[in-house]
């Protein structure tokens, strides 16, 4: 995933979740995805859609220990 695409997705996620601290970071061994962080906390991964139509998927796990 190139830098321009990551910045577009980052902007979309920031707007959608009303959180300017969201950042995307390239994954060292994967070219089709980026890690998603809020500040320094890892929250998920964005993947290019397999169809190649310019769509993306955001995957985030919610751990039981994070729930009240």
N, C-alpha and C. Protein backbone atom coordinates (compact mmCIF):
# COMPACT_ATOMS: atom_id res chain seq x y z
N UNK A 1 0.86 -1.17 0.00
CA UNK A 1 0.00 0.00 0.00
C UNK A 1 0.91 1.23 0.00
N UNK A 2 0.68 2.12 -0.93
CA UNK A 2 1.56 3.28 -1.03
C UNK A 2 1.15 4.38 -0.03
N UNK A 3 2.06 5.32 0.14
CA UNK A 3 1.88 6.40 1.12
C UNK A 3 0.63 7.23 0.84
N UNK A 4 0.37 7.54 -0.41
CA UNK A 4 -0.80 8.34 -0.78
C UNK A 4 -2.10 7.64 -0.38
N UNK A 5 -2.18 6.35 -0.64
CA UNK A 5 -3.37 5.56 -0.28
C UNK A 5 -3.53 5.50 1.23
N UNK A 6 -2.42 5.28 1.94
CA UNK A 6 -2.50 5.23 3.41
C UNK A 6 -3.01 6.55 3.97
N UNK A 7 -2.59 7.69 3.43
CA UNK A 7 -3.04 8.99 3.93
C UNK A 7 -4.53 9.21 3.64
N UNK A 8 -5.01 8.73 2.49
CA UNK A 8 -6.44 8.83 2.17
C UNK A 8 -7.26 8.03 3.18
N UNK A 9 -6.84 6.80 3.44
CA UNK A 9 -7.56 5.93 4.39
C UNK A 9 -7.48 6.51 5.79
N UNK A 10 -6.30 6.99 6.16
CA UNK A 10 -6.11 7.60 7.47
C UNK A 10 -7.08 8.77 7.65
N UNK A 11 -7.19 9.62 6.65
CA UNK A 11 -8.13 10.74 6.71
C UNK A 11 -9.57 10.28 6.85
N UNK A 12 -9.90 9.22 6.12
CA UNK A 12 -11.27 8.68 6.21
C UNK A 12 -11.55 8.15 7.62
N UNK A 13 -10.62 7.37 8.16
CA UNK A 13 -10.81 6.82 9.51
C UNK A 13 -10.88 7.92 10.56
N UNK A 14 -10.04 8.94 10.42
CA UNK A 14 -10.06 10.06 11.37
C UNK A 14 -11.41 10.76 11.35
N UNK A 15 -11.96 10.98 10.16
CA UNK A 15 -13.26 11.63 10.05
C UNK A 15 -14.39 10.74 10.54
N UNK A 16 -14.36 9.48 10.16
CA UNK A 16 -15.41 8.54 10.54
C UNK A 16 -15.50 8.36 12.05
N UNK A 17 -14.33 8.24 12.70
CA UNK A 17 -14.30 8.00 14.14
C UNK A 17 -14.03 9.27 14.95
N UNK A 18 -14.01 10.43 14.28
CA UNK A 18 -13.79 11.73 14.94
C UNK A 18 -12.60 11.66 15.89
N UNK A 19 -11.46 11.17 15.35
CA UNK A 19 -10.27 11.02 16.18
C UNK A 19 -9.03 11.33 15.34
N UNK A 20 -8.44 12.49 15.58
CA UNK A 20 -7.27 12.92 14.81
C UNK A 20 -5.99 12.18 15.19
N UNK A 21 -6.05 11.34 16.23
CA UNK A 21 -4.85 10.60 16.66
C UNK A 21 -4.69 9.28 15.92
N UNK A 22 -5.60 8.95 15.01
CA UNK A 22 -5.49 7.71 14.23
C UNK A 22 -4.39 7.87 13.19
N UNK A 23 -3.50 6.88 13.12
CA UNK A 23 -2.44 6.87 12.11
C UNK A 23 -2.32 5.49 11.49
N UNK A 24 -1.88 5.46 10.25
CA UNK A 24 -1.58 4.20 9.56
C UNK A 24 -0.07 4.09 9.40
N UNK A 25 0.43 2.88 9.60
CA UNK A 25 1.86 2.61 9.52
C UNK A 25 2.05 1.41 8.58
N UNK A 26 2.97 1.51 7.63
CA UNK A 26 3.20 0.36 6.73
C UNK A 26 3.63 -0.87 7.51
N UNK A 27 3.21 -2.02 7.04
CA UNK A 27 3.64 -3.28 7.65
C UNK A 27 4.95 -3.70 6.99
N UNK A 28 5.91 -4.15 7.78
CA UNK A 28 7.24 -4.44 7.24
C UNK A 28 7.29 -5.57 6.21
N UNK A 29 6.44 -6.55 6.33
CA UNK A 29 6.53 -7.72 5.44
C UNK A 29 5.34 -7.87 4.50
N UNK A 30 4.38 -6.97 4.59
CA UNK A 30 3.18 -7.05 3.76
C UNK A 30 3.02 -5.77 2.95
N UNK A 31 2.80 -5.91 1.66
CA UNK A 31 2.64 -4.74 0.79
C UNK A 31 1.19 -4.32 0.60
N UNK A 32 0.24 -5.20 1.00
CA UNK A 32 -1.18 -4.93 0.73
C UNK A 32 -1.96 -4.47 1.96
N UNK A 33 -1.25 -4.09 3.03
CA UNK A 33 -1.95 -3.71 4.26
C UNK A 33 -1.12 -2.72 5.07
N UNK A 34 -1.79 -2.12 6.07
CA UNK A 34 -1.13 -1.19 6.98
C UNK A 34 -1.72 -1.38 8.38
N UNK A 35 -0.90 -1.12 9.39
CA UNK A 35 -1.37 -1.20 10.77
C UNK A 35 -2.03 0.12 11.15
N UNK A 36 -3.05 0.04 12.00
CA UNK A 36 -3.79 1.21 12.44
C UNK A 36 -3.53 1.42 13.93
N UNK A 37 -3.18 2.65 14.28
CA UNK A 37 -2.89 3.00 15.66
C UNK A 37 -3.73 4.19 16.09
N UNK A 38 -4.06 4.24 17.38
CA UNK A 38 -4.54 5.46 18.01
C UNK A 38 -3.45 5.85 18.98
N UNK A 39 -2.81 6.98 18.69
CA UNK A 39 -1.58 7.37 19.38
C UNK A 39 -0.58 6.25 19.21
N UNK A 40 -0.17 5.60 20.29
CA UNK A 40 0.81 4.52 20.19
C UNK A 40 0.20 3.14 20.37
N UNK A 41 -1.14 3.08 20.50
CA UNK A 41 -1.81 1.79 20.72
C UNK A 41 -2.30 1.19 19.40
N UNK A 42 -1.84 -0.03 19.12
CA UNK A 42 -2.28 -0.77 17.93
C UNK A 42 -3.73 -1.14 18.10
N UNK A 43 -4.55 -0.85 17.06
CA UNK A 43 -5.97 -1.20 17.16
C UNK A 43 -6.45 -2.12 16.04
N UNK A 44 -5.70 -2.22 14.95
CA UNK A 44 -6.17 -3.08 13.86
C UNK A 44 -5.32 -2.98 12.62
N UNK A 45 -5.86 -3.55 11.52
CA UNK A 45 -5.16 -3.60 10.25
C UNK A 45 -6.14 -3.24 9.13
N UNK A 46 -5.65 -2.49 8.16
CA UNK A 46 -6.42 -2.19 6.95
C UNK A 46 -5.80 -2.99 5.81
N UNK A 47 -6.65 -3.73 5.07
CA UNK A 47 -6.22 -4.57 3.95
C UNK A 47 -6.83 -4.07 2.65
N UNK A 48 -6.09 -4.22 1.57
CA UNK A 48 -6.67 -3.97 0.25
C UNK A 48 -7.66 -5.08 -0.03
N UNK A 49 -8.81 -4.73 -0.60
CA UNK A 49 -9.83 -5.71 -0.97
C UNK A 49 -9.29 -6.60 -2.09
N UNK A 50 -9.60 -7.86 -2.05
CA UNK A 50 -9.11 -8.82 -3.03
C UNK A 50 -9.60 -8.53 -4.45
N UNK A 51 -10.71 -7.82 -4.57
CA UNK A 51 -11.27 -7.53 -5.90
C UNK A 51 -10.42 -6.56 -6.69
N UNK A 52 -9.57 -5.81 -6.01
CA UNK A 52 -8.72 -4.85 -6.70
C UNK A 52 -9.46 -3.65 -7.25
N UNK A 53 -10.63 -3.35 -6.69
CA UNK A 53 -11.43 -2.22 -7.19
C UNK A 53 -11.20 -0.94 -6.39
N UNK A 54 -10.16 -0.92 -5.56
CA UNK A 54 -9.86 0.27 -4.77
C UNK A 54 -10.56 0.32 -3.42
N UNK A 55 -11.17 -0.79 -3.02
CA UNK A 55 -11.83 -0.86 -1.72
C UNK A 55 -10.88 -1.47 -0.69
N UNK A 56 -11.19 -1.21 0.58
CA UNK A 56 -10.33 -1.69 1.67
C UNK A 56 -11.19 -2.24 2.79
N UNK A 57 -10.58 -3.09 3.62
CA UNK A 57 -11.26 -3.67 4.78
C UNK A 57 -10.48 -3.29 6.03
N UNK A 58 -11.19 -2.90 7.08
CA UNK A 58 -10.58 -2.57 8.36
C UNK A 58 -10.94 -3.68 9.34
N UNK A 59 -9.94 -4.31 9.94
CA UNK A 59 -10.16 -5.42 10.88
C UNK A 59 -9.63 -5.01 12.25
N UNK A 60 -10.53 -5.10 13.25
CA UNK A 60 -10.16 -4.72 14.61
C UNK A 60 -10.70 -5.77 15.58
N UNK A 61 -9.84 -6.27 16.45
CA UNK A 61 -10.27 -7.22 17.47
C UNK A 61 -10.65 -6.45 18.74
N UNK A 62 -11.65 -6.92 19.44
CA UNK A 62 -12.03 -6.36 20.74
C UNK A 62 -11.84 -7.47 21.75
N UNK A 63 -10.84 -7.31 22.61
CA UNK A 63 -10.49 -8.33 23.58
C UNK A 63 -11.38 -8.21 24.82
N UNK A 64 -11.69 -9.34 25.43
CA UNK A 64 -12.53 -9.36 26.63
C UNK A 64 -11.92 -8.50 27.73
N UNK A 65 -10.60 -8.49 27.83
CA UNK A 65 -9.95 -7.72 28.90
C UNK A 65 -10.10 -6.21 28.71
N UNK A 66 -10.46 -5.78 27.50
CA UNK A 66 -10.66 -4.36 27.23
C UNK A 66 -12.09 -3.90 27.53
N UNK A 67 -12.98 -4.83 27.74
CA UNK A 67 -14.38 -4.48 28.03
C UNK A 67 -14.55 -4.26 29.54
N UNK A 68 -15.43 -3.32 29.90
CA UNK A 68 -15.64 -3.06 31.34
C UNK A 68 -16.29 -4.23 32.05
